[in-house]
């Protein structure tokens, strides 16, 4: 989905404020790599590989289950995502997020053909990184 310049600007401000709030509340663990400045998929892979290598060197058996959550927000209904008091995000910030997600609609355009507008009830606009890209 495409968002306006003002929407992208607001998203950046909200993303920063939410990240800072979660950080202050101790809700971002050291093991978190997504959305954290200086960390990435690569740092996550290196840390994981080092842990597995250490266990193998110690003679331990290592079993791995990999689950890809990359499309998680595509499936979450807005009502569930905006659950009041979620992680302590309340008041004006919660209202801004709700207003940003409420009453969204989308349609498909192929060349000169347009589908009907349909309400968007799940997922979040993803044409921009949220916090620390």
C-alpha atoms as a PDB file:
ATOM      1  CA  UNK A   1       0.000   0.000   0.000  1.00  0.00           C
ATOM      2  CA  UNK A   2       1.124   3.548  -0.615  1.00  0.00           C
ATOM      3  CA  UNK A   3       1.103   6.121   2.138  1.00  0.00           C
ATOM      4  CA  UNK A   4       1.345   9.879   1.904  1.00  0.00           C
ATOM      5  CA  UNK A   5       4.423  11.909   2.826  1.00  0.00           C
ATOM      6  CA  UNK A   6       2.653  13.096   5.986  1.00  0.00           C
ATOM      7  CA  UNK A   7       1.780   9.471   6.793  1.00  0.00           C
ATOM      8  CA  UNK A   8       5.412   8.419   6.386  1.00  0.00           C
ATOM      9  CA  UNK A   9       6.538  11.319   8.555  1.00  0.00           C
ATOM     10  CA  UNK A  10       4.020  10.407  11.263  1.00  0.00           C
ATOM     11  CA  UNK A  11       5.003   6.748  11.017  1.00  0.00           C
ATOM     12  CA  UNK A  12       8.645   7.641  11.636  1.00  0.00           C
ATOM     13  CA  UNK A  13       7.788   9.725  14.702  1.00  0.00           C
ATOM     14  CA  UNK A  14       5.438   7.106  16.142  1.00  0.00           C
ATOM     15  CA  UNK A  15       7.888   4.295  15.427  1.00  0.00           C
ATOM     16  CA  UNK A  16      10.660   6.122  17.255  1.00  0.00           C
ATOM     17  CA  UNK A  17       8.438   6.963  20.240  1.00  0.00           C
ATOM     18  CA  UNK A  18       7.095   3.407  20.509  1.00  0.00           C
ATOM     19  CA  UNK A  19      10.593   1.937  20.237  1.00  0.00           C
ATOM     20  CA  UNK A  20      11.867   4.294  22.933  1.00  0.00           C
ATOM     21  CA  UNK A  21       8.921   3.400  25.197  1.00  0.00           C
ATOM     22  CA  UNK A  22       9.503  -0.344  24.761  1.00  0.00           C
ATOM     23  CA  UNK A  23      13.202   0.141  25.409  1.00  0.00           C
ATOM     24  CA  UNK A  24      12.576   2.145  28.610  1.00  0.00           C
ATOM     25  CA  UNK A  25      10.133  -0.490  29.865  1.00  0.00           C
ATOM     26  CA  UNK A  26      12.737  -3.220  29.326  1.00  0.00           C
ATOM     27  CA  UNK A  27      10.568  -4.959  26.732  1.00  0.00           C
ATOM     28  CA  UNK A  28      13.322  -5.193  24.109  1.00  0.00           C
ATOM     29  CA  UNK A  29      15.657  -8.015  25.019  1.00  0.00           C
ATOM     30  CA  UNK A  30      19.303  -8.180  24.042  1.00  0.00           C
ATOM     31  CA  UNK A  31      18.389 -11.151  21.835  1.00  0.00           C
ATOM     32  CA  UNK A  32      16.099  -8.919  19.717  1.00  0.00           C
ATOM     33  CA  UNK A  33      17.623  -8.136  16.320  1.00  0.00           C
ATOM     34  CA  UNK A  34      14.733  -6.723  14.268  1.00  0.00           C
ATOM     35  CA  UNK A  35      14.126  -2.957  14.578  1.00  0.00           C
ATOM     36  CA  UNK A  36      17.285  -2.510  16.680  1.00  0.00           C
ATOM     37  CA  UNK A  37      19.997  -0.131  15.528  1.00  0.00           C
ATOM     38  CA  UNK A  38      23.255  -1.949  14.801  1.00  0.00           C
ATOM     39  CA  UNK A  39      21.563  -5.356  14.595  1.00  0.00           C
ATOM     40  CA  UNK A  40      20.153  -7.207  11.607  1.00  0.00           C
ATOM     41  CA  UNK A  41      19.299 -10.618  10.193  1.00  0.00           C
ATOM     42  CA  UNK A  42      23.046 -11.125   9.734  1.00  0.00           C
ATOM     43  CA  UNK A  43      23.892 -10.383  13.385  1.00  0.00           C
ATOM     44  CA  UNK A  44      21.066 -12.718  14.411  1.00  0.00           C
ATOM     45  CA  UNK A  45      22.459 -15.493  12.193  1.00  0.00           C
ATOM     46  CA  UNK A  46      26.008 -15.005  13.505  1.00  0.00           C
ATOM     47  CA  UNK A  47      24.850 -15.081  17.133  1.00  0.00           C
ATOM     48  CA  UNK A  48      22.778 -18.200  16.480  1.00  0.00           C
ATOM     49  CA  UNK A  49      25.632 -19.929  14.637  1.00  0.00           C
ATOM     50  CA  UNK A  50      28.067 -19.155  17.477  1.00  0.00           C
ATOM     51  CA  UNK A  51      25.639 -20.634  20.028  1.00  0.00           C
ATOM     52  CA  UNK A  52      25.092 -23.802  17.998  1.00  0.00           C
ATOM     53  CA  UNK A  53      28.835 -24.197  17.355  1.00  0.00           C
ATOM     54  CA  UNK A  54      29.563 -23.865  21.084  1.00  0.00           C
ATOM     55  CA  UNK A  55      27.006 -26.557  21.964  1.00  0.00           C
ATOM     56  CA  UNK A  56      28.322 -28.922  19.260  1.00  0.00           C
ATOM     57  CA  UNK A  57      31.904 -28.361  20.482  1.00  0.00           C
ATOM     58  CA  UNK A  58      30.734 -29.285  23.990  1.00  0.00           C
ATOM     59  CA  UNK A  59      29.303 -32.542  22.607  1.00  0.00           C
ATOM     60  CA  UNK A  60      25.670 -31.545  23.003  1.00  0.00           C
ATOM     61  CA  UNK A  61      22.971 -32.546  20.580  1.00  0.00           C
ATOM     62  CA  UNK A  62      21.429 -29.525  18.863  1.00  0.00           C
ATOM     63  CA  UNK A  63      17.957 -29.561  17.334  1.00  0.00           C
ATOM     64  CA  UNK A  64      16.638 -26.519  15.503  1.00  0.00           C
ATOM     65  CA  UNK A  65      13.116 -25.520  14.561  1.00  0.00           C
ATOM     66  CA  UNK A  66      12.917 -22.454  12.314  1.00  0.00           C
ATOM     67  CA  UNK A  67       9.697 -20.478  12.074  1.00  0.00           C
ATOM     68  CA  UNK A  68       9.401 -17.545   9.676  1.00  0.00           C
ATOM     69  CA  UNK A  69       7.343 -14.728  11.172  1.00  0.00           C
ATOM     70  CA  UNK A  70       8.132 -12.286   8.356  1.00  0.00           C
ATOM     71  CA  UNK A  71       4.473 -11.955   7.334  1.00  0.00           C
ATOM     72  CA  UNK A  72       3.045 -11.874  10.854  1.00  0.00           C
ATOM     73  CA  UNK A  73       1.605  -8.354  10.668  1.00  0.00           C
ATOM     74  CA  UNK A  74      -0.086  -9.198   7.371  1.00  0.00           C
ATOM     75  CA  UNK A  75      -2.399 -11.527   9.300  1.00  0.00           C
ATOM     76  CA  UNK A  76      -3.111  -9.628  12.528  1.00  0.00           C
ATOM     77  CA  UNK A  77      -6.526  -7.994  12.688  1.00  0.00           C
ATOM     78  CA  UNK A  78      -6.373  -4.301  13.570  1.00  0.00           C
ATOM     79  CA  UNK A  79      -8.608  -4.769  16.623  1.00  0.00           C
ATOM     80  CA  UNK A  80      -6.230  -7.329  18.075  1.00  0.00           C
ATOM     81  CA  UNK A  81      -3.161  -5.264  17.188  1.00  0.00           C
ATOM     82  CA  UNK A  82      -4.650  -2.204  18.879  1.00  0.00           C
ATOM     83  CA  UNK A  83      -5.787  -3.973  22.049  1.00  0.00           C
ATOM     84  CA  UNK A  84      -6.012  -1.270  24.715  1.00  0.00           C
ATOM     85  CA  UNK A  85      -2.965  -1.060  26.941  1.00  0.00           C
ATOM     86  CA  UNK A  86      -0.879  -3.314  24.745  1.00  0.00           C
ATOM     87  CA  UNK A  87       2.676  -3.072  26.128  1.00  0.00           C
ATOM     88  CA  UNK A  88       1.735   0.108  27.942  1.00  0.00           C
ATOM     89  CA  UNK A  89       1.006   2.093  24.771  1.00  0.00           C
ATOM     90  CA  UNK A  90      -1.989   4.218  25.736  1.00  0.00           C
ATOM     91  CA  UNK A  91      -3.514   7.656  25.410  1.00  0.00           C
ATOM     92  CA  UNK A  92      -2.720   9.890  22.461  1.00  0.00           C
ATOM     93  CA  UNK A  93      -0.157   7.528  20.937  1.00  0.00           C
ATOM     94  CA  UNK A  94      -2.624   4.615  20.985  1.00  0.00           C
ATOM     95  CA  UNK A  95      -5.302   6.888  19.479  1.00  0.00           C
ATOM     96  CA  UNK A  96      -2.935   8.045  16.715  1.00  0.00           C
ATOM     97  CA  UNK A  97      -2.089   4.453  15.807  1.00  0.00           C
ATOM     98  CA  UNK A  98      -5.763   3.496  15.811  1.00  0.00           C
ATOM     99  CA  UNK A  99      -6.649   6.464  13.598  1.00  0.00           C
ATOM    100  CA  UNK A 100      -3.801   5.549  11.244  1.00  0.00           C
ATOM    101  CA  UNK A 101      -5.135   1.991  10.824  1.00  0.00           C
ATOM    102  CA  UNK A 102      -8.894   2.654  10.956  1.00  0.00           C
ATOM    103  CA  UNK A 103     -10.979   3.148   7.829  1.00  0.00           C
ATOM    104  CA  UNK A 104      -8.222   2.048   5.427  1.00  0.00           C
ATOM    105  CA  UNK A 105      -9.233   0.745   2.030  1.00  0.00           C
ATOM    106  CA  UNK A 106      -7.418  -0.602  -0.982  1.00  0.00           C
ATOM    107  CA  UNK A 107      -7.962  -1.623  -4.562  1.00  0.00           C
ATOM    108  CA  UNK A 108      -6.010  -3.311  -7.310  1.00  0.00           C
ATOM    109  CA  UNK A 109      -4.979  -1.370 -10.414  1.00  0.00           C
ATOM    110  CA  UNK A 110      -3.699  -3.125 -13.529  1.00  0.00           C
ATOM    111  CA  UNK A 111      -2.972  -0.723 -16.361  1.00  0.00           C
ATOM    112  CA  UNK A 112      -6.369   0.966 -16.883  1.00  0.00           C
ATOM    113  CA  UNK A 113      -8.483  -1.548 -14.952  1.00  0.00           C
ATOM    114  CA  UNK A 114      -9.489  -0.768 -11.369  1.00  0.00           C
ATOM    115  CA  UNK A 115     -11.089  -3.086  -8.829  1.00  0.00           C
ATOM    116  CA  UNK A 116     -13.657  -1.869  -6.307  1.00  0.00           C
ATOM    117  CA  UNK A 117     -12.359  -0.368  -3.068  1.00  0.00           C
ATOM    118  CA  UNK A 118     -12.313  -2.904  -0.221  1.00  0.00           C
ATOM    119  CA  UNK A 119     -11.820  -2.306   3.511  1.00  0.00           C
ATOM    120  CA  UNK A 120      -8.465  -3.298   4.992  1.00  0.00           C
ATOM    121  CA  UNK A 121      -9.046  -5.032   8.325  1.00  0.00           C
ATOM    122  CA  UNK A 122      -5.636  -6.589   8.922  1.00  0.00           C
ATOM    123  CA  UNK A 123      -1.984  -5.940   8.298  1.00  0.00           C
ATOM    124  CA  UNK A 124      -0.051  -2.707   8.439  1.00  0.00           C
ATOM    125  CA  UNK A 125       1.230  -0.493   5.629  1.00  0.00           C
ATOM    126  CA  UNK A 126       4.716  -1.792   4.820  1.00  0.00           C
ATOM    127  CA  UNK A 127       6.197   0.491   2.196  1.00  0.00           C
ATOM    128  CA  UNK A 128       8.687   1.821   4.751  1.00  0.00           C
ATOM    129  CA  UNK A 129      10.763   0.462   7.648  1.00  0.00           C
ATOM    130  CA  UNK A 130       9.323   1.313  11.053  1.00  0.00           C
ATOM    131  CA  UNK A 131      12.264   2.397  13.130  1.00  0.00           C
ATOM    132  CA  UNK A 132      15.932   1.656  12.555  1.00  0.00           C
ATOM    133  CA  UNK A 133      16.375   0.545   8.927  1.00  0.00           C
END
